[in-house]
Amino acid sequence: MAGSRFWAIIDDDLLENGDVILFDSANAPVKRVELPADWDPIKMRARRRDVLLAGFGSVELVSVSLDGETVQPFGDEAFRSALAQTRAIRHENDSWWNLWIWVAIIPLVILAGVVGWLDWRRRQAQSGASTVVDNTGDPEGDTANRGRTSVIS
């Protein structure tokens, strides 16, 4: 009856927090596989004696027995060591990537601020050109007649 069982990865809408579930031939869940902590499965491959699971962020492979009871790291020590080196490189690259994201974002934010400020200044200048502002203390605000002498007889 083991041949009529099937496996599924069930995750949330963001394809995260996945669980591996073993179902029977009637599509009823039989077992939830207990995976390592903070482990998010994204791929699986059935083999003769086990099911191989790949995790998303962990750069790790685990082997699960066909009954779903035994979960163990996949491969020999040399293979797991190579995966550990890959994980370390990936972690280092992630750190640099996070730095470069900020290096790229900060100038864009500054540029957007400068453009916004320049646009605000341009709008102030345009609205100021249509309105005459007299800062000379002339109570009438009549700058057109300044410097002329009006004679009333």
N, C-alpha and C. Protein backbone atom coordinates (compact mmCIF):
# COMPACT_ATOMS: atom_id res chain seq x y z
N MET A 1 0.82 -1.20 0.00
CA MET A 1 0.00 0.00 0.00
C MET A 1 0.86 1.26 0.00
N ALA A 2 2.16 1.11 0.27
CA ALA A 2 3.03 2.27 0.31
C ALA A 2 3.16 2.91 -1.07
N GLY A 3 2.99 2.12 -2.14
CA GLY A 3 3.11 2.66 -3.48
C GLY A 3 1.96 3.57 -3.84
N SER A 4 0.83 3.48 -3.13
CA SER A 4 -0.32 4.32 -3.44
C SER A 4 -0.30 5.62 -2.63
N ARG A 5 0.68 5.79 -1.80
CA ARG A 5 0.81 7.04 -1.05
C ARG A 5 1.51 8.09 -1.92
N PHE A 6 1.28 9.35 -1.57
CA PHE A 6 1.98 10.42 -2.26
C PHE A 6 2.35 11.51 -1.26
N TRP A 7 3.31 12.33 -1.67
CA TRP A 7 3.84 13.39 -0.83
C TRP A 7 3.46 14.74 -1.42
N ALA A 8 3.32 15.72 -0.55
CA ALA A 8 3.03 17.09 -1.00
C ALA A 8 3.70 18.09 -0.08
N ILE A 9 4.15 19.18 -0.67
CA ILE A 9 4.63 20.33 0.12
C ILE A 9 3.49 21.34 0.14
N ILE A 10 3.06 21.67 1.33
CA ILE A 10 1.96 22.62 1.49
C ILE A 10 2.54 23.84 2.19
N ASP A 11 2.40 25.02 1.55
CA ASP A 11 2.97 26.24 2.11
C ASP A 11 1.96 27.37 2.03
N ASP A 12 2.36 28.53 2.55
CA ASP A 12 1.45 29.67 2.56
C ASP A 12 1.48 30.40 1.21
N ASP A 13 0.79 31.53 1.14
CA ASP A 13 0.67 32.28 -0.12
C ASP A 13 2.00 32.81 -0.64
N LEU A 14 2.97 32.99 0.24
CA LEU A 14 4.28 33.49 -0.17
C LEU A 14 5.26 32.36 -0.43
N LEU A 15 4.75 31.13 -0.51
CA LEU A 15 5.56 29.94 -0.71
C LEU A 15 6.62 29.79 0.38
N GLU A 16 6.21 30.09 1.60
CA GLU A 16 7.08 29.96 2.76
C GLU A 16 6.39 29.10 3.80
N ASN A 17 7.14 28.76 4.84
CA ASN A 17 6.61 27.99 5.97
C ASN A 17 5.97 26.69 5.51
N GLY A 18 6.66 26.00 4.62
CA GLY A 18 6.11 24.77 4.05
C GLY A 18 6.16 23.59 5.00
N ASP A 19 5.20 22.73 4.84
CA ASP A 19 5.15 21.45 5.54
C ASP A 19 5.11 20.34 4.49
N VAL A 20 5.73 19.23 4.83
CA VAL A 20 5.68 18.07 3.95
C VAL A 20 4.69 17.09 4.57
N ILE A 21 3.69 16.74 3.77
CA ILE A 21 2.61 15.87 4.24
C ILE A 21 2.59 14.61 3.39
N LEU A 22 2.45 13.49 4.04
CA LEU A 22 2.30 12.20 3.38
C LEU A 22 0.80 11.87 3.34
N PHE A 23 0.27 11.59 2.14
CA PHE A 23 -1.15 11.29 1.96
C PHE A 23 -1.30 9.83 1.55
N ASP A 24 -2.48 9.27 1.86
CA ASP A 24 -2.76 7.90 1.42
C ASP A 24 -3.50 7.92 0.08
N SER A 25 -3.90 6.75 -0.40
CA SER A 25 -4.55 6.65 -1.71
C SER A 25 -5.93 7.32 -1.74
N ALA A 26 -6.53 7.55 -0.57
CA ALA A 26 -7.83 8.22 -0.50
C ALA A 26 -7.67 9.73 -0.32
N ASN A 27 -6.46 10.24 -0.53
CA ASN A 27 -6.14 11.67 -0.41
C ASN A 27 -6.30 12.20 1.02
N ALA A 28 -6.23 11.32 1.99
CA ALA A 28 -6.31 11.73 3.39
C ALA A 28 -4.88 11.86 3.93
N PRO A 29 -4.60 12.90 4.70
CA PRO A 29 -3.25 13.04 5.25
C PRO A 29 -2.95 11.92 6.24
N VAL A 30 -1.76 11.36 6.11
CA VAL A 30 -1.33 10.27 6.98
C VAL A 30 -0.35 10.79 8.02
N LYS A 31 0.58 11.64 7.57
CA LYS A 31 1.63 12.08 8.48
C LYS A 31 2.20 13.41 8.01
N ARG A 32 2.49 14.25 8.99
CA ARG A 32 3.26 15.48 8.74
C ARG A 32 4.70 15.16 9.13
N VAL A 33 5.62 15.40 8.20
CA VAL A 33 7.02 15.09 8.44
C VAL A 33 7.64 16.18 9.31
N GLU A 34 8.29 15.77 10.39
CA GLU A 34 8.96 16.70 11.29
C GLU A 34 10.31 17.07 10.68
N LEU A 35 10.43 18.32 10.25
CA LEU A 35 11.65 18.81 9.60
C LEU A 35 12.49 19.60 10.60
N PRO A 36 13.76 19.82 10.27
CA PRO A 36 14.61 20.64 11.16
C PRO A 36 14.01 22.04 11.36
N ALA A 37 14.34 22.64 12.48
CA ALA A 37 13.81 23.98 12.81
C ALA A 37 14.23 24.99 11.75
N ASP A 38 13.35 25.95 11.48
CA ASP A 38 13.59 27.01 10.49
C ASP A 38 13.95 26.44 9.12
N TRP A 39 13.33 25.37 8.76
CA TRP A 39 13.63 24.70 7.50
C TRP A 39 12.42 24.83 6.61
N ASP A 40 12.61 25.29 5.38
CA ASP A 40 11.50 25.57 4.48
C ASP A 40 11.67 24.75 3.19
N PRO A 41 10.95 23.64 3.05
CA PRO A 41 11.13 22.80 1.86
C PRO A 41 10.53 23.44 0.61
N ILE A 42 11.27 23.29 -0.50
CA ILE A 42 10.75 23.84 -1.76
C ILE A 42 10.71 22.80 -2.88
N LYS A 43 11.52 21.77 -2.77
CA LYS A 43 11.56 20.73 -3.81
C LYS A 43 11.67 19.38 -3.14
N MET A 44 11.15 18.37 -3.82
CA MET A 44 11.33 17.01 -3.35
C MET A 44 11.48 16.07 -4.54
N ARG A 45 12.21 15.02 -4.30
CA ARG A 45 12.47 14.02 -5.35
C ARG A 45 12.34 12.64 -4.72
N ALA A 46 11.43 11.84 -5.24
CA ALA A 46 11.26 10.47 -4.74
C ALA A 46 12.38 9.61 -5.29
N ARG A 47 12.94 8.81 -4.40
CA ARG A 47 13.97 7.85 -4.79
C ARG A 47 13.49 6.46 -4.37
N ARG A 48 14.28 5.45 -4.57
CA ARG A 48 13.83 4.08 -4.26
C ARG A 48 13.54 3.86 -2.79
N ARG A 49 14.43 4.35 -1.93
CA ARG A 49 14.31 4.07 -0.50
C ARG A 49 13.91 5.27 0.34
N ASP A 50 13.88 6.45 -0.27
CA ASP A 50 13.58 7.65 0.50
C ASP A 50 13.09 8.77 -0.42
N VAL A 51 12.80 9.89 0.21
CA VAL A 51 12.42 11.10 -0.51
C VAL A 51 13.44 12.17 -0.14
N LEU A 52 13.99 12.81 -1.15
CA LEU A 52 15.00 13.84 -0.94
C LEU A 52 14.31 15.20 -0.96
N LEU A 53 14.56 16.01 0.09
CA LEU A 53 13.95 17.33 0.20
C LEU A 53 15.02 18.40 0.16
N ALA A 54 14.75 19.46 -0.59
CA ALA A 54 15.66 20.62 -0.66
C ALA A 54 14.99 21.78 0.05
N GLY A 55 15.78 22.49 0.86
CA GLY A 55 15.28 23.64 1.59
C GLY A 55 15.62 24.93 0.86
N PHE A 56 14.80 25.95 1.06
CA PHE A 56 14.98 27.21 0.33
C PHE A 56 16.20 27.99 0.78
N GLY A 57 16.19 28.48 1.98
CA GLY A 57 17.26 29.36 2.42
C GLY A 57 18.44 28.65 3.02
N SER A 58 18.31 27.38 3.27
CA SER A 58 19.33 26.70 4.05
C SER A 58 20.43 26.06 3.22
N VAL A 59 20.27 25.96 1.91
CA VAL A 59 21.22 25.25 1.04
C VAL A 59 21.53 23.90 1.70
N GLU A 60 20.48 23.14 1.92
CA GLU A 60 20.62 21.88 2.62
C GLU A 60 19.67 20.85 2.01
N LEU A 61 20.08 19.62 2.06
CA LEU A 61 19.25 18.51 1.60
C LEU A 61 19.05 17.55 2.76
N VAL A 62 17.82 17.05 2.88
CA VAL A 62 17.56 16.01 3.87
C VAL A 62 16.89 14.84 3.17
N SER A 63 17.09 13.69 3.77
CA SER A 63 16.49 12.46 3.27
C SER A 63 15.42 12.03 4.26
N VAL A 64 14.24 11.71 3.74
CA VAL A 64 13.13 11.28 4.58
C VAL A 64 12.76 9.86 4.17
N SER A 65 12.63 8.98 5.16
CA SER A 65 12.24 7.60 4.85
C SER A 65 10.85 7.58 4.24
N LEU A 66 10.53 6.53 3.50
CA LEU A 66 9.24 6.46 2.79
C LEU A 66 8.04 6.47 3.73
N ASP A 67 8.24 6.05 4.98
CA ASP A 67 7.13 6.11 5.94
C ASP A 67 7.04 7.47 6.63
N GLY A 68 8.00 8.36 6.34
CA GLY A 68 7.98 9.71 6.91
C GLY A 68 8.49 9.79 8.33
N GLU A 69 9.02 8.72 8.86
CA GLU A 69 9.46 8.67 10.24
C GLU A 69 10.87 9.20 10.46
N THR A 70 11.78 8.92 9.53
CA THR A 70 13.19 9.25 9.73
C THR A 70 13.60 10.39 8.81
N VAL A 71 14.12 11.44 9.42
CA VAL A 71 14.66 12.57 8.68
C VAL A 71 16.13 12.68 9.06
N GLN A 72 16.98 12.65 8.04
CA GLN A 72 18.41 12.76 8.31
C GLN A 72 19.09 13.57 7.21
N PRO A 73 20.23 14.17 7.51
CA PRO A 73 20.95 14.93 6.48
C PRO A 73 21.32 14.00 5.32
N PHE A 74 21.29 14.54 4.12
CA PHE A 74 21.59 13.74 2.93
C PHE A 74 23.07 13.84 2.60
N GLY A 75 23.64 12.75 2.15
CA GLY A 75 25.02 12.72 1.67
C GLY A 75 26.03 12.39 2.74
N ASP A 76 27.24 12.15 2.27
CA ASP A 76 28.32 11.84 3.20
C ASP A 76 28.89 13.13 3.77
N GLU A 77 29.89 12.99 4.63
CA GLU A 77 30.48 14.14 5.32
C GLU A 77 31.09 15.14 4.34
N ALA A 78 31.75 14.66 3.29
CA ALA A 78 32.37 15.56 2.30
C ALA A 78 31.30 16.38 1.58
N PHE A 79 30.19 15.74 1.23
CA PHE A 79 29.10 16.44 0.55
C PHE A 79 28.49 17.50 1.46
N ARG A 80 28.23 17.13 2.71
CA ARG A 80 27.65 18.09 3.66
C ARG A 80 28.63 19.24 3.94
N SER A 81 29.92 18.94 3.93
CA SER A 81 30.92 19.99 4.11
C SER A 81 30.90 20.97 2.94
N ALA A 82 30.76 20.45 1.73
CA ALA A 82 30.67 21.32 0.55
C ALA A 82 29.42 22.20 0.62
N LEU A 83 28.31 21.63 1.08
CA LEU A 83 27.09 22.43 1.26
C LEU A 83 27.29 23.50 2.33
N ALA A 84 28.00 23.17 3.39
CA ALA A 84 28.26 24.14 4.45
C ALA A 84 29.08 25.30 3.91
N GLN A 85 30.07 25.02 3.06
CA GLN A 85 30.87 26.08 2.45
C GLN A 85 29.99 26.95 1.54
N THR A 86 29.10 26.32 0.81
CA THR A 86 28.18 27.07 -0.05
C THR A 86 27.27 27.95 0.78
N ARG A 87 26.79 27.42 1.91
CA ARG A 87 25.96 28.23 2.81
C ARG A 87 26.73 29.44 3.32
N ALA A 88 27.99 29.24 3.69
CA ALA A 88 28.80 30.35 4.21
C ALA A 88 29.00 31.42 3.14
N ILE A 89 29.28 30.99 1.92
CA ILE A 89 29.45 31.95 0.82
C ILE A 89 28.15 32.68 0.55
N ARG A 90 27.05 31.96 0.57
CA ARG A 90 25.76 32.59 0.33
C ARG A 90 25.44 33.60 1.42
N HIS A 91 25.74 33.25 2.67
CA HIS A 91 25.49 34.17 3.77
C HIS A 91 26.34 35.43 3.61
N GLU A 92 27.60 35.28 3.22
CA GLU A 92 28.47 36.43 3.00
C GLU A 92 27.94 37.29 1.85
N ASN A 93 27.50 36.64 0.78
CA ASN A 93 26.94 37.39 -0.36
C ASN A 93 25.66 38.11 0.02
N ASP A 94 24.85 37.48 0.87
CA ASP A 94 23.63 38.14 1.33
C ASP A 94 23.96 39.40 2.11
N SER A 95 25.02 39.34 2.92
CA SER A 95 25.42 40.52 3.69
C SER A 95 25.84 41.65 2.77
N TRP A 96 26.63 41.34 1.75
CA TRP A 96 27.05 42.36 0.79
C TRP A 96 25.85 42.87 0.01
N TRP A 97 24.95 41.99 -0.36
CA TRP A 97 23.77 42.39 -1.11
C TRP A 97 22.95 43.38 -0.29
N ASN A 98 22.77 43.10 0.99
CA ASN A 98 22.02 44.02 1.84
C ASN A 98 22.70 45.38 1.91
N LEU A 99 24.02 45.40 1.98
CA LEU A 99 24.75 46.66 1.99
C LEU A 99 24.55 47.41 0.68
N TRP A 100 24.67 46.72 -0.45
CA TRP A 100 24.55 47.39 -1.74
C TRP A 100 23.13 47.88 -2.01
N ILE A 101 22.16 47.22 -1.45
CA ILE A 101 20.79 47.72 -1.59
C ILE A 101 20.70 49.11 -0.97
N TRP A 102 21.25 49.28 0.24
CA TRP A 102 21.20 50.58 0.89
C TRP A 102 22.07 51.59 0.16
N VAL A 103 23.21 51.16 -0.36
CA VAL A 103 24.08 52.07 -1.13
C VAL A 103 23.34 52.58 -2.36
N ALA A 104 22.48 51.77 -2.95
CA ALA A 104 21.71 52.18 -4.12
C ALA A 104 20.48 53.00 -3.74
N ILE A 105 19.85 52.67 -2.63
CA ILE A 105 18.61 53.34 -2.26
C ILE A 105 18.85 54.74 -1.71
N ILE A 106 19.86 54.92 -0.89
CA ILE A 106 20.08 56.21 -0.25
C ILE A 106 20.29 57.33 -1.27
N PRO A 107 21.14 57.17 -2.31
CA PRO A 107 21.23 58.25 -3.30
C PRO A 107 19.91 58.53 -4.03
N LEU A 108 19.12 57.50 -4.26
CA LEU A 108 17.83 57.71 -4.91
C LEU A 108 16.89 58.52 -4.03
N VAL A 109 16.91 58.26 -2.74
CA VAL A 109 16.07 59.02 -1.81
C VAL A 109 16.54 60.47 -1.77
N ILE A 110 17.86 60.67 -1.72
CA ILE A 110 18.39 62.04 -1.72
C ILE A 110 18.01 62.75 -3.02
N LEU A 111 18.17 62.06 -4.15
CA LEU A 111 17.81 62.65 -5.44
C LEU A 111 16.32 63.01 -5.48
N ALA A 112 15.47 62.14 -4.98
CA ALA A 112 14.03 62.44 -4.96
C ALA A 112 13.75 63.66 -4.07
N GLY A 113 14.46 63.77 -2.95
CA GLY A 113 14.29 64.93 -2.09
C GLY A 113 14.72 66.21 -2.76
N VAL A 114 15.86 66.19 -3.45
CA VAL A 114 16.35 67.37 -4.17
C VAL A 114 15.38 67.76 -5.28
N VAL A 115 14.91 66.79 -6.05
CA VAL A 115 13.96 67.07 -7.12
C VAL A 115 12.67 67.65 -6.55
N GLY A 116 12.20 67.11 -5.45
CA GLY A 116 10.99 67.65 -4.82
C GLY A 116 11.19 69.07 -4.33
N TRP A 117 12.36 69.33 -3.73
CA TRP A 117 12.66 70.68 -3.25
C TRP A 117 12.77 71.66 -4.42
N LEU A 118 13.44 71.26 -5.50
CA LEU A 118 13.56 72.13 -6.68
C LEU A 118 12.19 72.41 -7.31
N ASP A 119 11.33 71.40 -7.35
CA ASP A 119 9.99 71.59 -7.89
C ASP A 119 9.20 72.56 -7.01
N TRP A 120 9.35 72.40 -5.70
CA TRP A 120 8.67 73.32 -4.78
C TRP A 120 9.15 74.75 -4.99
N ARG A 121 10.48 74.93 -5.15
CA ARG A 121 11.04 76.26 -5.39
C ARG A 121 10.52 76.84 -6.71
N ARG A 122 10.44 76.01 -7.75
CA ARG A 122 9.94 76.46 -9.05
C ARG A 122 8.49 76.91 -8.92
N ARG A 123 7.69 76.16 -8.20
CA ARG A 123 6.28 76.54 -8.01
C ARG A 123 6.15 77.83 -7.21
N GLN A 124 7.02 77.99 -6.21
CA GLN A 124 7.00 79.23 -5.43
C GLN A 124 7.36 80.42 -6.31
N ALA A 125 8.36 80.22 -7.18
CA ALA A 125 8.78 81.31 -8.07
C ALA A 125 7.67 81.66 -9.05
N GLN A 126 6.98 80.63 -9.57
CA GLN A 126 5.89 80.90 -10.51
C GLN A 126 4.73 81.61 -9.83
N SER A 127 4.38 81.18 -8.64
CA SER A 127 3.29 81.85 -7.94
C SER A 127 3.72 83.23 -7.47
N GLY A 128 5.01 83.41 -7.19
CA GLY A 128 5.53 84.72 -6.79
C GLY A 128 5.58 85.68 -7.95
N ALA A 129 5.75 85.23 -9.17
CA ALA A 129 5.81 86.10 -10.35
C ALA A 129 4.44 86.68 -10.66
N SER A 130 3.38 86.01 -10.32
CA SER A 130 2.05 86.52 -10.62
C SER A 130 1.54 87.45 -9.51
N THR A 131 2.17 87.43 -8.37
CA THR A 131 1.78 88.28 -7.26
C THR A 131 2.93 89.24 -6.95
N VAL A 132 2.62 90.54 -6.92
CA VAL A 132 3.65 91.53 -6.63
C VAL A 132 3.76 91.66 -5.12
N VAL A 133 4.95 91.45 -4.62
CA VAL A 133 5.19 91.59 -3.19
C VAL A 133 6.09 92.79 -3.00
N ASP A 134 5.65 93.74 -2.18
CA ASP A 134 6.42 94.95 -1.95
C ASP A 134 7.03 94.88 -0.56
N ASN A 135 8.33 94.74 -0.52
CA ASN A 135 9.02 94.65 0.76
C ASN A 135 9.68 95.96 1.14
N THR A 136 9.32 97.06 0.49
CA THR A 136 9.99 98.33 0.75
C THR A 136 9.29 99.15 1.80
N GLY A 137 8.19 98.70 2.28
CA GLY A 137 7.49 99.45 3.30
C GLY A 137 6.45 100.39 2.73
N ASP A 138 6.22 100.36 1.42
CA ASP A 138 5.21 101.19 0.77
C ASP A 138 3.85 100.67 1.19
N PRO A 139 3.08 101.42 1.97
CA PRO A 139 1.80 100.91 2.45
C PRO A 139 0.81 100.63 1.33
N GLU A 140 0.95 101.27 0.24
CA GLU A 140 0.01 101.06 -0.85
C GLU A 140 0.44 99.89 -1.72
N GLY A 141 1.72 99.57 -1.66
CA GLY A 141 2.21 98.48 -2.47
C GLY A 141 2.32 98.85 -3.93
N ASP A 142 2.33 100.15 -4.23
CA ASP A 142 2.35 100.59 -5.62
C ASP A 142 3.80 100.76 -6.06
N THR A 143 4.39 99.73 -6.55
CA THR A 143 5.79 99.81 -6.96
C THR A 143 5.93 100.41 -8.34
N ALA A 144 4.86 100.43 -9.10
CA ALA A 144 4.95 100.99 -10.46
C ALA A 144 5.16 102.50 -10.43
N ASN A 145 4.68 103.19 -9.39
CA ASN A 145 4.79 104.64 -9.31
C ASN A 145 6.01 105.08 -8.50
N ARG A 146 6.79 104.20 -8.04
CA ARG A 146 7.93 104.57 -7.23
C ARG A 146 8.95 105.32 -8.10
N GLY A 147 9.50 106.37 -7.56
CA GLY A 147 10.49 107.16 -8.28
C GLY A 147 9.85 108.24 -9.15
N ARG A 148 8.55 108.32 -9.22
CA ARG A 148 7.87 109.35 -10.00
C ARG A 148 7.28 110.37 -9.04
N THR A 149 7.15 111.49 -9.53
CA THR A 149 6.53 112.55 -8.74
C THR A 149 5.18 112.86 -9.36
N SER A 150 4.19 112.78 -8.55
CA SER A 150 2.85 113.10 -9.03
C SER A 150 2.51 114.52 -8.54
N VAL A 151 2.05 115.31 -9.45
CA VAL A 151 1.68 116.66 -9.11
C VAL A 151 0.18 116.80 -9.30
N ILE A 152 -0.43 117.26 -8.27
CA ILE A 152 -1.86 117.48 -8.35
C ILE A 152 -2.08 118.99 -8.23
N SER A 153 -2.76 119.55 -9.19
CA SER A 153 -2.98 120.98 -9.11
C SER A 153 -4.45 121.28 -8.98
